[in-house]
Amino acid sequence: MIGIVVVSHGKLARELVAATEHVVGEQDRFRSISIEVEDDIEARRDQIRETAKSCDNGKGVIILTDMFG
């Protein structure tokens, strides 16, 4: 399976991953990142890059987001 990283404001990403895994079971290479208003954006960008790398098994990664840019 390709990797999937869900990125959103607030707790939406975490809850989407939790709801999905509730239905289909725990998935490898399926992670969430929540971004809050007070977060350091550069630190979050680094976290997204690192999470995408850790989810990639050579088949690629899809990043799903509700964020602009």
C-alpha atoms as a PDB file:
ATOM      1  CA  MET A   1       0.000   0.000   0.000  1.00  0.00           C
ATOM      2  CA  ILE A   2       1.164   3.537  -0.673  1.00  0.00           C
ATOM      3  CA  GLY A   3       1.627   5.826   2.296  1.00  0.00           C
ATOM      4  CA  ILE A   4      -1.035   8.326   3.294  1.00  0.00           C
ATOM      5  CA  VAL A   5      -0.484  11.451   5.390  1.00  0.00           C
ATOM      6  CA  VAL A   6      -3.541  13.508   6.383  1.00  0.00           C
ATOM      7  CA  VAL A   7      -2.780  17.127   7.349  1.00  0.00           C
ATOM      8  CA  SER A   8      -5.405  19.522   8.706  1.00  0.00           C
ATOM      9  CA  HIS A   9      -6.156  22.309  11.113  1.00  0.00           C
ATOM     10  CA  GLY A  10      -7.322  21.363  14.574  1.00  0.00           C
ATOM     11  CA  LYS A  11      -7.945  17.704  15.300  1.00  0.00           C
ATOM     12  CA  LEU A  12      -9.654  16.861  11.993  1.00  0.00           C
ATOM     13  CA  ALA A  13      -6.724  14.834  10.588  1.00  0.00           C
ATOM     14  CA  ARG A  14      -6.377  12.733  13.724  1.00  0.00           C
ATOM     15  CA  GLU A  15     -10.098  12.022  13.812  1.00  0.00           C
ATOM     16  CA  LEU A  16     -10.248  11.106  10.105  1.00  0.00           C
ATOM     17  CA  VAL A  17      -7.455   8.579  10.580  1.00  0.00           C
ATOM     18  CA  ALA A  18      -9.094   7.223  13.750  1.00  0.00           C
ATOM     19  CA  ALA A  19     -12.482   6.856  12.035  1.00  0.00           C
ATOM     20  CA  THR A  20     -10.926   5.109   9.035  1.00  0.00           C
ATOM     21  CA  GLU A  21      -8.959   2.697  11.195  1.00  0.00           C
ATOM     22  CA  HIS A  22     -12.079   2.006  13.259  1.00  0.00           C
ATOM     23  CA  VAL A  23     -13.737   0.702  10.088  1.00  0.00           C
ATOM     24  CA  VAL A  24     -10.841  -1.025   8.287  1.00  0.00           C
ATOM     25  CA  GLY A  25      -8.412  -1.711  11.137  1.00  0.00           C
ATOM     26  CA  GLU A  26      -5.010  -0.246  11.900  1.00  0.00           C
ATOM     27  CA  GLN A  27      -3.000   0.601   8.798  1.00  0.00           C
ATOM     28  CA  ASP A  28       0.752   0.804   8.286  1.00  0.00           C
ATOM     29  CA  ARG A  29       2.001   4.024   6.716  1.00  0.00           C
ATOM     30  CA  PHE A  30      -1.214   5.974   7.478  1.00  0.00           C
ATOM     31  CA  ARG A  31      -0.523   9.023   9.659  1.00  0.00           C
ATOM     32  CA  SER A  32      -2.074  12.324  10.673  1.00  0.00           C
ATOM     33  CA  ILE A  33      -0.637  15.740  11.427  1.00  0.00           C
ATOM     34  CA  SER A  34      -2.719  18.399  13.156  1.00  0.00           C
ATOM     35  CA  ILE A  35      -1.808  22.057  12.758  1.00  0.00           C
ATOM     36  CA  GLU A  36      -2.863  24.624  15.344  1.00  0.00           C
ATOM     37  CA  VAL A  37      -2.854  28.418  15.004  1.00  0.00           C
ATOM     38  CA  GLU A  38       0.041  28.846  17.438  1.00  0.00           C
ATOM     39  CA  ASP A  39       2.255  26.197  15.770  1.00  0.00           C
ATOM     40  CA  ASP A  40       5.600  27.017  14.177  1.00  0.00           C
ATOM     41  CA  ILE A  41       4.821  26.536  10.481  1.00  0.00           C
ATOM     42  CA  GLU A  42       8.419  25.672   9.544  1.00  0.00           C
ATOM     43  CA  ALA A  43       8.466  22.968  12.220  1.00  0.00           C
ATOM     44  CA  ARG A  44       5.201  21.560  10.861  1.00  0.00           C
ATOM     45  CA  ARG A  45       6.598  21.573   7.296  1.00  0.00           C
ATOM     46  CA  ASP A  46       9.584  19.595   8.552  1.00  0.00           C
ATOM     47  CA  GLN A  47       7.224  17.206  10.353  1.00  0.00           C
ATOM     48  CA  ILE A  48       5.209  16.688   7.154  1.00  0.00           C
ATOM     49  CA  ARG A  49       8.390  15.928   5.180  1.00  0.00           C
ATOM     50  CA  GLU A  50       9.662  13.480   7.790  1.00  0.00           C
ATOM     51  CA  THR A  51       6.288  11.785   8.157  1.00  0.00           C
ATOM     52  CA  ALA A  52       5.982  11.413   4.386  1.00  0.00           C
ATOM     53  CA  LYS A  53       9.464   9.854   4.250  1.00  0.00           C
ATOM     54  CA  SER A  54       8.610   7.415   7.035  1.00  0.00           C
ATOM     55  CA  CYS A  55       5.383   6.394   5.260  1.00  0.00           C
ATOM     56  CA  ASP A  56       7.075   5.776   1.898  1.00  0.00           C
ATOM     57  CA  ASN A  57       7.911   2.147   1.192  1.00  0.00           C
ATOM     58  CA  GLY A  58       9.030   2.947  -2.343  1.00  0.00           C
ATOM     59  CA  LYS A  59       5.525   3.108  -3.795  1.00  0.00           C
ATOM     60  CA  GLY A  60       4.897   6.771  -2.978  1.00  0.00           C
ATOM     61  CA  VAL A  61       2.876   8.834  -0.529  1.00  0.00           C
ATOM     62  CA  ILE A  62      -0.346  10.806  -0.891  1.00  0.00           C
ATOM     63  CA  ILE A  63      -0.691  13.902   1.285  1.00  0.00           C
ATOM     64  CA  LEU A  64      -4.319  14.884   1.920  1.00  0.00           C
ATOM     65  CA  THR A  65      -4.889  18.350   3.347  1.00  0.00           C
ATOM     66  CA  ASP A  66      -7.507  20.999   3.975  1.00  0.00           C
ATOM     67  CA  MET A  67      -4.856  23.694   4.223  1.00  0.00           C
ATOM     68  CA  PHE A  68      -4.268  26.448   1.683  1.00  0.00           C
ATOM     69  CA  GLY A  69      -0.833  26.247   0.031  1.00  0.00           C
END
